[in-house]
């Protein structure tokens, strides 16, 4: 295990960054591609400086605890916003990426398994209080896949089941400990919003007094996925690292359509 912790980042990480830098040659927004690549290289250099796997877990743990503290402080103050870019959404994204790493560390006999288990429970709790459907949907795929992976790689089905039951118990304990039922509130709020959007898309006011259709969040995402697929088919090599937000606007069939943005 110590030998693994001391490994430098794999070649594929450098290849991924190199491809992003190379995309400047055909990028539709070369300035953004250059800035994105220059920012990313510092992450690789930092990871290459030492025990990068242990460093990643420690950094994720610190960011998770810091994000949870902020989220719960905002929750107690009544300052919760379930929208893209909000603190809760960013925390949910972080938790979604950290959860399988902490689970693997806890279930595969790595160092500090108890700490890894506690961080995994905190990550699942953070994902659930995010109020982000972009976190909930991948989570429905991630948990059963993680269960199967751990059950097949030495932990066994029964011990894996105990691990996941403990994970659920940890989340239930946190939900009972923190006043206000943050998980239940986030889930019920998003369920109600989704049902309302599906049943009754609204009508908004466009520019110049022209009535413009305002679509719900679900329909907006379907439209964004369709436009992104068209963008990918038109540019098989990509449009350049960091260029999505600019290029997406050019692919909008109805630029004034409310509810759809990059």
Protein backbone atom coordinates (compact mmCIF):
# COMPACT_ATOMS: atom_id res chain seq x y z
CA UNK A 1 0.00 0.00 0.00
CA UNK A 2 2.81 2.43 0.83
CA UNK A 3 4.33 1.76 -2.59
CA UNK A 4 1.00 2.65 -4.23
CA UNK A 5 0.72 5.84 -2.20
CA UNK A 6 4.13 6.98 -3.41
CA UNK A 7 3.36 6.50 -7.10
CA UNK A 8 3.27 9.56 -9.32
CA UNK A 9 0.09 10.34 -11.27
CA UNK A 10 -0.51 7.76 -14.03
CA UNK A 11 0.44 8.51 -17.59
CA UNK A 12 -3.21 8.74 -18.58
CA UNK A 13 -3.60 11.85 -16.38
CA UNK A 14 -0.79 13.61 -18.23
CA UNK A 15 -2.20 12.41 -21.57
CA UNK A 16 -5.60 13.83 -20.64
CA UNK A 17 -4.09 17.21 -19.79
CA UNK A 18 -1.89 17.13 -22.91
CA UNK A 19 -4.92 16.55 -25.11
CA UNK A 20 -6.66 19.53 -23.51
CA UNK A 21 -3.62 21.71 -24.20
CA UNK A 22 -3.33 20.39 -27.76
CA UNK A 23 -6.98 21.34 -28.38
CA UNK A 24 -5.83 24.97 -28.57
CA UNK A 25 -4.91 24.21 -32.18
CA UNK A 26 -8.57 23.70 -33.17
CA UNK A 27 -10.40 25.33 -30.28
CA UNK A 28 -13.29 27.65 -31.10
CA UNK A 29 -12.37 29.59 -27.95
CA UNK A 30 -8.55 29.26 -27.77
CA UNK A 31 -8.16 31.76 -24.95
CA UNK A 32 -10.40 29.69 -22.69
CA UNK A 33 -8.62 26.48 -23.73
CA UNK A 34 -5.24 27.97 -22.77
CA UNK A 35 -6.46 29.27 -19.41
CA UNK A 36 -8.13 25.95 -18.55
CA UNK A 37 -4.99 23.98 -19.42
CA UNK A 38 -2.68 26.28 -17.47
CA UNK A 39 -4.92 25.99 -14.42
CA UNK A 40 -5.08 22.18 -14.65
CA UNK A 41 -1.32 21.65 -14.95
CA UNK A 42 -0.76 22.94 -11.42
CA UNK A 43 -2.99 20.17 -10.07
CA UNK A 44 -0.89 17.53 -11.83
CA UNK A 45 2.37 19.09 -10.66
CA UNK A 46 1.10 19.21 -7.08
CA UNK A 47 0.04 15.56 -7.21
CA UNK A 48 3.38 14.55 -8.73
CA UNK A 49 5.27 16.18 -5.85
CA UNK A 50 4.68 13.38 -3.33
CA UNK A 51 2.30 10.78 -2.00
CA UNK A 52 -0.48 11.87 -4.28
CA UNK A 53 -3.14 9.25 -3.51
CA UNK A 54 -3.00 9.92 0.22
CA UNK A 55 -2.86 13.64 -0.54
CA UNK A 56 -6.00 13.47 -2.66
CA UNK A 57 -7.94 11.68 0.09
CA UNK A 58 -6.79 14.15 2.76
CA UNK A 59 -7.63 17.12 0.53
CA UNK A 60 -11.07 15.72 -0.33
CA UNK A 61 -11.74 15.06 3.35
CA UNK A 62 -10.80 18.63 4.27
CA UNK A 63 -12.93 20.12 1.47
CA UNK A 64 -15.87 17.90 2.40
CA UNK A 65 -15.76 18.88 6.08
CA UNK A 66 -15.38 22.55 5.20
CA UNK A 67 -18.26 22.38 2.71
CA UNK A 68 -20.53 20.55 5.14
CA UNK A 69 -19.83 23.06 7.89
CA UNK A 70 -20.74 25.93 5.57
CA UNK A 71 -23.83 24.16 4.20
CA UNK A 72 -25.19 23.35 7.67
CA UNK A 73 -24.46 26.88 8.89
CA UNK A 74 -26.41 28.29 5.93
CA UNK A 75 -29.17 25.75 6.57
CA UNK A 76 -29.56 26.83 10.20
CA UNK A 77 -29.66 30.47 9.08
CA UNK A 78 -32.36 29.69 6.50
CA UNK A 79 -30.08 30.66 3.61
CA UNK A 80 -30.44 27.64 1.34
CA UNK A 81 -30.52 27.92 -2.46
CA UNK A 82 -31.05 24.79 -4.57
CA UNK A 83 -29.82 26.25 -7.86
CA UNK A 84 -26.85 25.59 -10.13
CA UNK A 85 -23.68 27.20 -8.80
CA UNK A 86 -24.96 27.44 -5.23
CA UNK A 87 -22.89 26.13 -2.35
CA UNK A 88 -25.16 23.13 -1.89
CA UNK A 89 -24.79 22.11 -5.54
CA UNK A 90 -21.01 22.45 -5.45
CA UNK A 91 -20.87 20.45 -2.22
CA UNK A 92 -23.01 17.74 -3.81
CA UNK A 93 -20.66 17.51 -6.80
CA UNK A 94 -17.65 17.20 -4.50
CA UNK A 95 -19.38 14.54 -2.39
CA UNK A 96 -20.36 12.54 -5.46
CA UNK A 97 -16.72 12.29 -6.53
CA UNK A 98 -15.37 11.64 -3.02
CA UNK A 99 -17.86 8.95 -1.99
CA UNK A 100 -16.50 6.02 -4.07
CA UNK A 101 -12.91 6.86 -3.07
CA UNK A 102 -13.74 6.82 0.64
CA UNK A 103 -15.78 3.63 0.21
CA UNK A 104 -12.88 1.91 -1.54
CA UNK A 105 -10.50 3.02 1.21
CA UNK A 106 -12.86 1.75 3.92
CA UNK A 107 -13.75 -1.53 2.23
CA UNK A 108 -10.42 -2.69 0.82
CA UNK A 109 -8.36 -2.72 3.97
CA UNK A 110 -6.47 0.51 3.36
CA UNK A 111 -4.99 2.62 6.16
CA UNK A 112 -7.42 4.37 8.54
CA UNK A 113 -10.56 2.43 7.48
CA UNK A 114 -12.72 3.93 10.24
CA UNK A 115 -11.86 7.49 9.19
CA UNK A 116 -12.59 6.57 5.57
CA UNK A 117 -15.95 5.07 6.56
CA UNK A 118 -16.95 8.19 8.52
CA UNK A 119 -15.97 10.41 5.59
CA UNK A 120 -17.98 8.17 3.24
CA UNK A 121 -21.06 8.63 5.46
CA UNK A 122 -20.50 12.38 5.48
CA UNK A 123 -20.11 12.36 1.69
CA UNK A 124 -23.41 10.51 1.21
CA UNK A 125 -25.13 12.91 3.61
CA UNK A 126 -23.68 15.90 1.74
CA UNK A 127 -24.87 14.48 -1.60
CA UNK A 128 -28.40 14.04 -0.25
CA UNK A 129 -28.70 17.54 1.24
CA UNK A 130 -27.47 19.14 -2.00
CA UNK A 131 -30.94 19.26 -3.55
CA UNK A 132 -29.30 18.65 -6.94
CA UNK A 133 -30.90 16.20 -9.34
CA UNK A 134 -27.57 16.21 -11.20
CA UNK A 135 -26.19 14.55 -8.04
CA UNK A 136 -29.16 12.30 -7.20
CA UNK A 137 -29.34 10.57 -10.58
CA UNK A 138 -25.64 9.54 -10.75
CA UNK A 139 -25.88 8.51 -7.10
CA UNK A 140 -28.57 5.96 -8.02
CA UNK A 141 -26.05 4.37 -10.39
CA UNK A 142 -22.96 4.81 -8.24
CA UNK A 143 -24.17 3.06 -5.07
CA UNK A 144 -25.15 -0.31 -6.61
CA UNK A 145 -22.02 -0.32 -8.78
CA UNK A 146 -19.85 0.39 -5.73
CA UNK A 147 -21.63 -2.40 -3.86
CA UNK A 148 -20.96 -4.91 -6.64
CA UNK A 149 -17.34 -3.80 -6.98
CA UNK A 150 -16.58 -4.17 -3.29
CA UNK A 151 -18.48 -7.46 -2.99
CA UNK A 152 -16.46 -9.01 -5.83
CA UNK A 153 -13.03 -7.73 -4.78
CA UNK A 154 -12.37 -9.46 -1.50
CA UNK A 155 -14.84 -7.87 0.91
CA UNK A 156 -17.61 -10.38 0.15
CA UNK A 157 -21.36 -9.72 -0.17
CA UNK A 158 -22.22 -9.92 3.53
CA UNK A 159 -19.46 -7.63 4.74
CA UNK A 160 -20.27 -5.23 1.90
CA UNK A 161 -23.91 -5.29 2.96
CA UNK A 162 -22.90 -4.47 6.54
CA UNK A 163 -20.73 -1.63 5.24
CA UNK A 164 -23.62 -0.12 3.30
CA UNK A 165 -26.08 -0.62 6.16
CA UNK A 166 -23.63 1.20 8.38
CA UNK A 167 -23.42 3.95 5.78
CA UNK A 168 -27.21 4.32 5.81
CA UNK A 169 -27.25 4.31 9.61
CA UNK A 170 -24.64 7.05 9.64
CA UNK A 171 -26.72 9.22 7.33
CA UNK A 172 -29.84 8.58 9.44
CA UNK A 173 -27.91 9.58 12.57
CA UNK A 174 -26.78 12.83 10.96
CA UNK A 175 -30.32 13.55 9.76
CA UNK A 176 -31.62 13.08 13.31
CA UNK A 177 -28.74 15.02 14.86
CA UNK A 178 -29.01 18.14 12.69
CA UNK A 179 -32.21 20.12 13.41
CA UNK A 180 -34.55 20.72 10.50
CA UNK A 181 -34.30 17.45 8.52
CA UNK A 182 -32.04 18.78 5.75
CA UNK A 183 -32.11 15.56 3.69
CA UNK A 184 -35.90 15.16 3.81
CA UNK A 185 -36.43 18.82 2.97
CA UNK A 186 -34.06 18.75 -0.04
CA UNK A 187 -35.55 15.54 -1.45
CA UNK A 188 -39.18 16.64 -1.03
CA UNK A 189 -38.48 20.11 -2.44
CA UNK A 190 -36.85 18.75 -5.60
CA UNK A 191 -39.55 16.11 -6.03
CA UNK A 192 -42.25 18.79 -5.88
CA UNK A 193 -40.40 21.06 -8.30
CA UNK A 194 -39.85 18.22 -10.78
CA UNK A 195 -43.51 17.22 -10.68
CA UNK A 196 -44.62 20.83 -11.19
CA UNK A 197 -42.26 21.32 -14.15
CA UNK A 198 -43.40 18.14 -15.86
CA UNK A 199 -47.09 18.88 -15.43
CA UNK A 200 -47.24 22.60 -16.19
CA UNK A 201 -44.50 24.28 -18.28
CA UNK A 202 -45.05 28.01 -18.06
CA UNK A 203 -45.09 30.94 -20.46
CA UNK A 204 -42.75 33.84 -20.02
CA UNK A 205 -42.37 37.27 -21.60
CA UNK A 206 -39.74 37.56 -24.32
CA UNK A 207 -37.95 40.65 -25.55
CA UNK A 208 -39.99 43.46 -27.08
CA UNK A 209 -43.15 42.30 -25.36
CA UNK A 210 -43.27 39.08 -27.38
CA UNK A 211 -44.53 36.10 -25.44
CA UNK A 212 -41.85 33.39 -25.17
CA UNK A 213 -42.27 29.83 -23.94
CA UNK A 214 -40.57 29.10 -20.65
CA UNK A 215 -39.69 25.45 -20.22
CA UNK A 216 -39.13 23.47 -17.07
CA UNK A 217 -35.85 22.16 -15.72
CA UNK A 218 -36.38 18.63 -17.00
CA UNK A 219 -37.22 19.73 -20.55
CA UNK A 220 -34.36 22.22 -20.47
CA UNK A 221 -31.87 19.47 -19.67
CA UNK A 222 -33.19 17.27 -22.46
CA UNK A 223 -32.73 20.18 -24.85
CA UNK A 224 -29.20 20.84 -23.59
CA UNK A 225 -28.27 17.18 -24.02
CA UNK A 226 -29.63 17.19 -27.58
CA UNK A 227 -27.67 20.31 -28.48
CA UNK A 228 -24.51 18.93 -26.83
CA UNK A 229 -24.82 15.72 -28.87
CA UNK A 230 -25.16 17.76 -32.05
CA UNK A 231 -22.11 19.79 -31.03
CA UNK A 232 -20.10 16.60 -30.46
CA UNK A 233 -21.12 15.13 -33.81
CA UNK A 234 -20.14 18.34 -35.60
CA UNK A 235 -16.76 18.48 -33.83
CA UNK A 236 -15.44 14.94 -33.20
CA UNK A 237 -12.17 16.27 -31.76
CA UNK A 238 -14.02 18.63 -29.47
CA UNK A 239 -14.35 22.39 -29.55
CA UNK A 240 -11.43 23.05 -27.22
CA UNK A 241 -10.81 22.62 -23.50
CA UNK A 242 -12.94 25.08 -21.53
CA UNK A 243 -14.94 26.30 -24.55
CA UNK A 244 -18.34 24.70 -23.86
CA UNK A 245 -20.10 27.72 -22.37
CA UNK A 246 -19.23 29.89 -25.38
CA UNK A 247 -19.87 27.33 -28.13
CA UNK A 248 -23.14 26.09 -26.64
CA UNK A 249 -24.75 29.51 -27.10
CA UNK A 250 -24.12 29.34 -30.85
CA UNK A 251 -26.01 26.03 -31.02
CA UNK A 252 -29.15 27.35 -29.35
CA UNK A 253 -32.11 26.94 -31.71
CA UNK A 254 -33.98 29.59 -29.73
CA UNK A 255 -31.45 31.86 -27.98
CA UNK A 256 -34.22 33.67 -26.08
CA UNK A 257 -35.77 30.51 -24.67
CA UNK A 258 -36.13 31.01 -20.93
CA UNK A 259 -34.85 28.23 -18.73
CA UNK A 260 -31.97 27.15 -20.99
CA UNK A 261 -28.45 28.50 -20.61
CA UNK A 262 -24.90 27.24 -20.80
